[in-house]
Amino acid sequence: MNRRPRLYADAVKSKDPNYSNYEDMKIDWNSTEPYEVIKKVGSGKYSEVFEGMDNRTDTKVIIKILRPVKVNRYNREIKILQNLQGGPNIIPLLDIVKDPLTKTPSLVFEYVNNTHFRTLFPKLSDFEARFYLYELLKALDYSHSNGIMHRDVKPQNVMIDHEKRKLRLIDWGLAEFYKPGTNYNVGVASRYFKGPELLVDDEYYDYSLDSWSIGAMMGGMIFHKDPFFHGWNNYDQLLKIAKILGTKELIEYVEKYKIEMEPELRKELTRNNPRPLTRLITKENRHLLSIEAFDLFTKFLRYDPADRILPFEAMAHEYFAPVRRMYEQIADNEVEEAAPWTETGLIILNNSIKDSE
């Protein structure tokens, strides 16, 4: 079966051959001398992350110190970051450095004064939730239009400076170039945000994997349910998804693409019927759960990747009409830059938030 996304299927093919060739790329490493590590702010399987200082400009930066891995792995991340440099809401890569003594490589990024999502999300107004989701979609549509899947969308990888209303999509370490007909590693994304294709070992996925992850993140945000799908392992994760969304469309998806499921898992799944999402409405989240929110949410969370709404399509959804109107106002008031974090933009954005309350 010919499986191609509706949008950007040949984005990489349309580029120069070197665009996606990270295996042969030569990296010009700069010195670590200008940078000072201040404190550790995070760590992962492949890196440790520190708040730092660029002593030349006396500005804060983020320094991602890479753990020893295959050279190709950080070559890919660097190549992708360079290809996406300057894109909307993509974290800017400021420098590529290597310690002269230890030969340890590090990536230097823009610093974002982030508010942790567990603190921020429960406080968001309806308009703010729409705005930040729209900003995330802008980053992903730009990435997809350049032939790149992020493959690890989750709240921890979305930095938000709430005072400046600035969002940045970070951690492109699992990102990959999309080429039609390629089978990809299913061991990507974090469990709570894994699309069903990863959980049933469907290796022929595409950009729509990121759409599922956005949907799961949106669910946590608007339902105040963190995480929205809370499985204890990959097997249980699929069961938790089926408990809410039902099994009929899941079975149709695996049969359509002739995907083999473990007999025990399939037997377990037959017991689940869809759960009405209205049962998740509470006094605390009711203000976030408009008809448009329900509609967009369910369009992200389709079992069949071919049926999922993509970021470009989602940005045109009625849910984001207030955000689009805000951007039109900003564009009318600012000639140079239609951005909410400019002075006039912040005034208009804050007025939009007040008007929606």
Protein backbone atom coordinates (compact mmCIF):
# COMPACT_ATOMS: atom_id res chain seq x y z
CA MET A 1 0.00 0.00 0.00
CA ASN A 2 1.34 3.42 -0.99
CA ARG A 3 1.50 5.45 2.22
CA ARG A 4 2.21 9.15 1.80
CA PRO A 5 1.21 12.11 3.97
CA ARG A 6 -1.20 14.62 2.42
CA LEU A 7 1.37 17.38 2.82
CA TYR A 8 5.13 17.72 2.30
CA ALA A 9 5.71 14.10 1.22
CA ASP A 10 8.53 15.14 -1.11
CA ALA A 11 9.93 18.05 0.91
CA VAL A 12 13.35 16.40 1.31
CA LYS A 13 13.41 15.22 -2.30
CA SER A 14 12.97 18.82 -3.46
CA LYS A 15 16.10 19.94 -1.58
CA ASP A 16 19.79 19.72 -2.39
CA PRO A 17 21.15 16.15 -1.86
CA ASN A 18 23.34 17.40 1.00
CA TYR A 19 20.29 18.76 2.84
CA SER A 20 19.64 15.45 4.61
CA ASN A 21 23.13 13.92 4.38
CA TYR A 22 24.29 14.11 7.98
CA GLU A 23 26.52 11.02 7.76
CA ASP A 24 29.16 12.84 5.71
CA MET A 25 28.84 16.31 7.20
CA LYS A 26 31.92 18.01 8.58
CA ILE A 27 31.38 19.96 11.79
CA ASP A 28 33.49 23.00 12.61
CA TRP A 29 33.63 22.93 16.39
CA ASN A 30 34.18 26.19 18.25
CA SER A 31 35.84 26.67 21.64
CA THR A 32 33.99 26.33 24.96
CA GLU A 33 36.06 29.20 26.37
CA PRO A 34 33.41 31.95 26.09
CA TYR A 35 30.87 29.91 28.03
CA GLU A 36 30.44 29.33 31.74
CA VAL A 37 28.25 26.58 33.19
CA ILE A 38 26.05 27.86 36.02
CA LYS A 39 23.67 25.09 37.05
CA LYS A 40 22.15 21.85 35.84
CA VAL A 41 18.57 22.18 34.63
CA GLY A 42 17.88 18.76 33.12
CA SER A 43 19.22 15.49 31.79
CA GLY A 44 18.20 12.78 29.40
CA LYS A 45 19.42 9.56 27.87
CA TYR A 46 21.75 11.33 25.47
CA SER A 47 22.66 14.60 27.18
CA GLU A 48 22.88 16.80 30.25
CA VAL A 49 21.47 20.31 30.09
CA PHE A 50 22.82 23.34 31.93
CA GLU A 51 21.99 26.98 32.32
CA GLY A 52 25.07 28.91 31.31
CA MET A 53 26.47 32.32 30.51
CA ASP A 54 28.04 33.72 27.37
CA ASN A 55 30.70 35.91 28.97
CA ARG A 56 31.24 37.89 25.77
CA THR A 57 27.74 39.33 25.86
CA ASP A 58 26.83 38.66 29.50
CA THR A 59 23.69 36.82 28.40
CA LYS A 60 22.19 33.56 29.63
CA VAL A 61 22.34 30.52 27.37
CA ILE A 62 21.45 26.84 27.56
CA ILE A 63 24.35 24.41 27.15
CA LYS A 64 23.47 20.86 26.11
CA ILE A 65 26.43 18.58 26.82
CA LEU A 66 26.17 15.47 24.65
CA ARG A 67 26.89 12.05 26.10
CA PRO A 68 29.17 9.70 24.14
CA VAL A 69 27.07 8.25 21.30
CA LYS A 70 27.55 7.40 17.66
CA VAL A 71 28.78 10.48 15.80
CA ASN A 72 25.87 10.18 13.37
CA ARG A 73 23.41 10.79 16.17
CA TYR A 74 24.55 14.26 17.07
CA ASN A 75 25.43 14.96 13.44
CA ARG A 76 21.75 14.44 12.65
CA GLU A 77 20.58 16.75 15.43
CA ILE A 78 23.00 19.48 14.38
CA LYS A 79 22.07 19.12 10.70
CA ILE A 80 18.38 19.38 11.50
CA LEU A 81 18.84 22.38 13.79
CA GLN A 82 20.89 24.14 11.12
CA ASN A 83 18.24 23.38 8.48
CA LEU A 84 15.48 24.78 10.71
CA GLN A 85 17.44 27.77 12.00
CA GLY A 86 15.31 30.91 12.03
CA GLY A 87 12.03 29.03 11.72
CA PRO A 88 9.04 30.20 13.78
CA ASN A 89 9.27 29.06 17.40
CA ILE A 90 12.19 26.70 16.68
CA ILE A 91 14.81 26.94 19.43
CA PRO A 92 17.79 28.81 17.93
CA LEU A 93 21.12 26.97 17.89
CA LEU A 94 23.69 29.62 18.84
CA ASP A 95 26.94 27.67 18.79
CA ILE A 96 28.54 24.24 18.41
CA VAL A 97 31.49 23.73 20.76
CA LYS A 98 33.89 21.03 21.91
CA ASP A 99 36.01 20.98 25.05
CA PRO A 100 39.67 20.99 23.93
CA LEU A 101 40.75 18.60 26.71
CA THR A 102 37.89 16.10 27.05
CA LYS A 103 36.68 16.43 23.43
CA THR A 104 33.14 16.49 24.80
CA PRO A 105 30.75 18.13 22.30
CA SER A 106 28.09 20.61 23.38
CA LEU A 107 25.32 22.59 21.72
CA VAL A 108 24.58 26.14 22.84
CA PHE A 109 20.99 27.38 22.62
CA GLU A 110 18.93 30.46 23.32
CA TYR A 111 17.84 30.71 26.96
CA VAL A 112 14.09 30.72 27.59
CA ASN A 113 12.72 31.78 30.98
CA ASN A 114 10.42 28.78 31.07
CA THR A 115 7.51 28.21 33.44
CA HIS A 116 7.12 24.47 34.09
CA PHE A 117 4.03 23.13 32.33
CA ARG A 118 2.63 21.61 35.54
CA THR A 119 2.58 25.11 37.01
CA LEU A 120 1.48 26.93 33.85
CA PHE A 121 -1.12 24.70 32.19
CA PRO A 122 -3.67 24.66 35.07
CA LYS A 123 -3.64 28.48 35.09
CA LEU A 124 -4.16 29.05 31.37
CA SER A 125 -7.22 30.88 30.12
CA ASP A 126 -9.08 29.51 27.12
CA PHE A 127 -7.41 32.04 24.81
CA GLU A 128 -3.94 31.33 26.21
CA ALA A 129 -4.37 27.59 25.64
CA ARG A 130 -5.40 28.25 22.03
CA PHE A 131 -2.53 30.69 21.54
CA TYR A 132 0.22 28.38 22.79
CA LEU A 133 -1.11 25.40 20.84
CA TYR A 134 -1.17 27.58 17.72
CA GLU A 135 2.44 28.65 18.33
CA LEU A 136 3.47 25.00 18.68
CA LEU A 137 1.69 24.14 15.43
CA LYS A 138 3.59 26.93 13.65
CA ALA A 139 6.90 25.35 14.68
CA LEU A 140 5.82 21.88 13.60
CA ASP A 141 4.35 22.98 10.29
CA TYR A 142 7.62 24.74 9.49
CA SER A 143 9.54 21.59 10.44
CA HIS A 144 7.27 19.35 8.36
CA SER A 145 7.39 21.71 5.38
CA ASN A 146 11.15 21.22 5.52
CA GLY A 147 10.80 17.44 5.57
CA ILE A 148 11.53 16.89 9.26
CA MET A 149 9.54 14.95 11.89
CA HIS A 150 10.22 15.98 15.50
CA ARG A 151 9.22 12.59 17.00
CA ASP A 152 9.36 13.73 20.64
CA VAL A 153 6.66 16.36 21.09
CA LYS A 154 5.70 16.63 24.76
CA PRO A 155 5.23 19.43 27.32
CA GLN A 156 8.79 19.01 28.59
CA ASN A 157 10.06 19.93 25.11
CA VAL A 158 7.93 23.05 24.80
CA MET A 159 9.53 26.01 26.56
CA ILE A 160 7.20 28.91 27.37
CA ASP A 161 8.22 32.34 28.62
CA HIS A 162 4.75 33.27 29.80
CA GLU A 163 5.59 36.90 30.57
CA LYS A 164 6.76 37.47 27.00
CA ARG A 165 4.23 34.98 25.53
CA LYS A 166 7.14 33.28 23.79
CA LEU A 167 7.19 29.57 22.92
CA ARG A 168 10.10 27.48 21.69
CA LEU A 169 10.07 23.83 20.55
CA ILE A 170 13.27 22.22 21.82
CA ASP A 171 15.15 18.90 21.84
CA TRP A 172 15.52 17.81 18.23
CA GLY A 173 17.66 14.82 19.21
CA LEU A 174 15.09 12.28 17.97
CA ALA A 175 14.06 14.28 14.90
CA GLU A 176 14.47 12.65 11.50
CA PHE A 177 14.11 13.45 7.81
CA TYR A 178 10.95 12.08 6.23
CA LYS A 179 11.28 10.13 2.99
CA PRO A 180 8.28 8.21 1.59
CA GLY A 181 8.51 4.44 1.85
CA THR A 182 11.16 4.50 4.59
CA ASN A 183 10.71 2.29 7.64
CA TYR A 184 11.61 4.16 10.83
CA ASN A 185 12.57 3.21 14.37
CA VAL A 186 9.48 2.84 16.57
CA GLY A 187 11.52 3.41 19.75
CA VAL A 188 10.98 7.18 19.63
CA ALA A 189 8.79 9.67 21.55
CA SER A 190 7.97 9.48 25.24
CA ARG A 191 5.48 6.80 26.26
CA TYR A 192 2.54 9.06 27.15
CA PHE A 193 2.83 10.81 23.77
CA LYS A 194 3.54 7.82 21.52
CA GLY A 195 1.14 7.42 18.62
CA PRO A 196 -0.58 4.02 18.21
CA GLU A 197 1.67 3.32 15.21
CA LEU A 198 4.67 3.13 17.55
CA LEU A 199 2.80 0.90 19.99
CA VAL A 200 1.90 -1.66 17.30
CA ASP A 201 5.35 -1.55 15.64
CA ASP A 202 4.18 0.18 12.48
CA GLU A 203 7.50 1.44 11.08
CA TYR A 204 6.04 3.29 8.09
CA TYR A 205 4.92 6.41 9.92
CA ASP A 206 5.20 10.07 8.91
CA TYR A 207 4.58 13.63 10.12
CA SER A 208 1.21 12.62 11.56
CA LEU A 209 3.07 11.02 14.48
CA ASP A 210 3.69 14.57 15.72
CA SER A 211 -0.04 15.30 15.35
CA TRP A 212 -0.90 12.51 17.77
CA SER A 213 1.65 13.83 20.28
CA ILE A 214 0.13 17.32 20.03
CA GLY A 215 -3.30 15.81 20.63
CA ALA A 216 -2.11 13.98 23.74
CA MET A 217 -0.48 17.19 24.97
CA MET A 218 -3.63 19.20 24.19
CA GLY A 219 -5.65 16.68 26.19
CA GLY A 220 -3.46 17.21 29.24
CA MET A 221 -3.77 20.96 28.82
CA ILE A 222 -7.52 21.40 28.30
CA PHE A 223 -8.80 18.55 30.49
CA HIS A 224 -6.29 19.24 33.30
CA LYS A 225 -5.36 15.57 33.06
CA ASP A 226 -1.59 15.06 33.11
CA PRO A 227 -0.77 12.91 31.25
CA PHE A 228 -3.94 12.36 29.27
CA PHE A 229 -3.03 8.73 28.46
CA HIS A 230 -1.18 7.25 31.45
CA GLY A 231 0.15 3.79 30.62
CA TRP A 232 2.66 1.93 32.79
CA ASN A 233 4.45 0.46 29.76
CA ASN A 234 3.95 0.44 25.99
CA TYR A 235 1.46 -2.44 26.17
CA ASP A 236 -0.58 -0.69 28.85
CA GLN A 237 -0.30 2.63 27.00
CA LEU A 238 -2.27 1.23 24.08
CA LEU A 239 -4.86 -0.17 26.48
CA LYS A 240 -5.23 3.25 28.13
CA ILE A 241 -5.75 4.85 24.70
CA ALA A 242 -8.35 2.23 23.76
CA LYS A 243 -10.14 2.70 27.08
CA ILE A 244 -10.94 6.29 26.07
CA LEU A 245 -11.10 6.10 22.27
CA GLY A 246 -12.46 2.56 21.90
CA THR A 247 -11.09 -0.30 19.83
CA LYS A 248 -13.16 -0.40 16.64
CA GLU A 249 -11.05 2.11 14.70
CA LEU A 250 -7.83 0.66 16.12
CA ILE A 251 -8.69 -2.79 14.75
CA GLU A 252 -9.68 -1.22 11.42
CA TYR A 253 -6.30 0.56 11.30
CA VAL A 254 -4.17 -2.54 11.93
CA GLU A 255 -6.22 -4.59 9.46
CA LYS A 256 -6.03 -1.88 6.78
CA TYR A 257 -2.22 -1.89 6.89
CA LYS A 258 -1.92 -5.63 7.64
CA ILE A 259 -0.16 -5.03 10.95
CA GLU A 260 0.21 -8.10 13.16
CA MET A 261 -0.77 -7.64 16.80
CA GLU A 262 0.01 -9.99 19.65
CA PRO A 263 -3.04 -12.29 20.17
CA GLU A 264 -3.19 -11.50 23.90
CA LEU A 265 -3.16 -7.77 23.24
CA ARG A 266 -5.87 -8.05 20.60
CA LYS A 267 -8.00 -10.14 22.94
CA GLU A 268 -7.62 -7.54 25.69
CA LEU A 269 -8.53 -4.71 23.33
CA THR A 270 -11.85 -6.28 22.32
CA ARG A 271 -13.21 -5.54 25.79
CA ASN A 272 -12.99 -1.76 25.46
CA ASN A 273 -15.72 0.58 24.27
CA PRO A 274 -15.19 4.32 23.71
CA ARG A 275 -15.62 6.56 26.72
CA PRO A 276 -17.60 9.79 26.23
CA LEU A 277 -15.17 12.68 26.58
CA THR A 278 -17.92 14.72 28.23
CA ARG A 279 -17.40 12.56 31.33
CA LEU A 280 -14.04 14.29 31.75
CA ILE A 281 -15.59 17.76 32.10
CA THR A 282 -15.11 19.25 35.55
CA LYS A 283 -15.72 22.60 37.21
CA GLU A 284 -11.99 23.36 36.86
CA ASN A 285 -11.63 22.61 33.12
CA ARG A 286 -15.07 23.56 31.76
CA HIS A 287 -13.87 26.98 30.52
CA LEU A 288 -11.36 25.28 28.18
CA LEU A 289 -13.74 22.74 26.64
CA SER A 290 -15.55 24.44 23.79
CA ILE A 291 -17.18 22.53 20.94
CA GLU A 292 -14.26 23.61 18.73
CA ALA A 293 -11.76 22.27 21.29
CA PHE A 294 -13.46 18.84 21.34
CA ASP A 295 -13.55 18.75 17.55
CA LEU A 296 -9.87 19.60 17.05
CA PHE A 297 -8.80 17.28 19.86
CA THR A 298 -10.53 14.30 18.28
CA LYS A 299 -9.08 15.15 14.86
CA PHE A 300 -5.56 14.89 16.29
CA LEU A 301 -6.28 11.55 17.96
CA ARG A 302 -7.25 9.31 15.06
CA TYR A 303 -5.83 5.81 15.10
CA ASP A 304 -5.15 5.78 11.37
CA PRO A 305 -2.32 8.27 10.75
CA ALA A 306 -3.80 9.05 7.32
CA ASP A 307 -6.96 10.37 9.01
CA ARG A 308 -5.18 12.70 11.45
CA ILE A 309 -5.23 16.44 11.02
CA LEU A 310 -1.78 17.87 10.25
CA PRO A 311 -0.38 21.09 11.78
CA PHE A 312 -0.97 23.19 8.64
CA GLU A 313 -4.60 22.04 8.50
CA ALA A 314 -5.07 22.44 12.25
CA MET A 315 -3.97 26.09 12.15
CA ALA A 316 -6.98 26.81 9.92
CA HIS A 317 -9.40 25.11 12.37
CA GLU A 318 -12.18 27.18 13.93
CA TYR A 319 -10.61 26.62 17.38
CA PHE A 320 -7.86 29.05 16.41
CA ALA A 321 -10.10 31.77 14.92
CA PRO A 322 -9.51 34.11 17.92
CA VAL A 323 -5.73 33.68 17.55
CA ARG A 324 -5.85 34.38 13.83
CA ARG A 325 -7.89 37.54 14.52
CA MET A 326 -5.28 38.63 17.04
CA TYR A 327 -2.51 38.19 14.48
CA GLU A 328 -4.50 40.23 11.97
CA GLN A 329 -4.71 43.05 14.53
CA ILE A 330 -0.97 42.84 15.19
CA ALA A 331 -0.22 42.92 11.47
CA ASP A 332 -2.44 45.99 11.09
CA ASN A 333 -0.54 47.77 13.87
CA GLU A 334 3.03 46.71 13.11
CA VAL A 335 4.75 46.96 9.78
CA GLU A 336 8.07 45.34 10.67
CA GLU A 337 7.06 42.21 12.54
CA ALA A 338 3.72 40.54 13.21
CA ALA A 339 4.81 38.93 16.47
CA PRO A 340 3.07 38.84 19.86
CA TRP A 341 6.29 39.45 21.80
CA THR A 342 6.93 42.88 20.30
CA GLU A 343 5.70 45.76 22.48
CA THR A 344 2.56 46.45 20.46
CA GLY A 345 2.01 42.73 19.97
CA LEU A 346 2.03 42.08 23.72
CA ILE A 347 -0.53 44.84 24.27
CA ILE A 348 -2.86 43.36 21.64
CA LEU A 349 -2.31 39.81 22.92
CA ASN A 350 -3.03 40.80 26.52
CA ASN A 351 -6.15 42.68 25.40
CA SER A 352 -7.28 39.56 23.50
CA ILE A 353 -6.86 37.51 26.67
CA LYS A 354 -8.89 40.02 28.72
CA ASP A 355 -11.63 40.13 26.07
CA SER A 356 -11.93 36.33 26.15
CA GLU A 357 -12.37 36.15 29.92
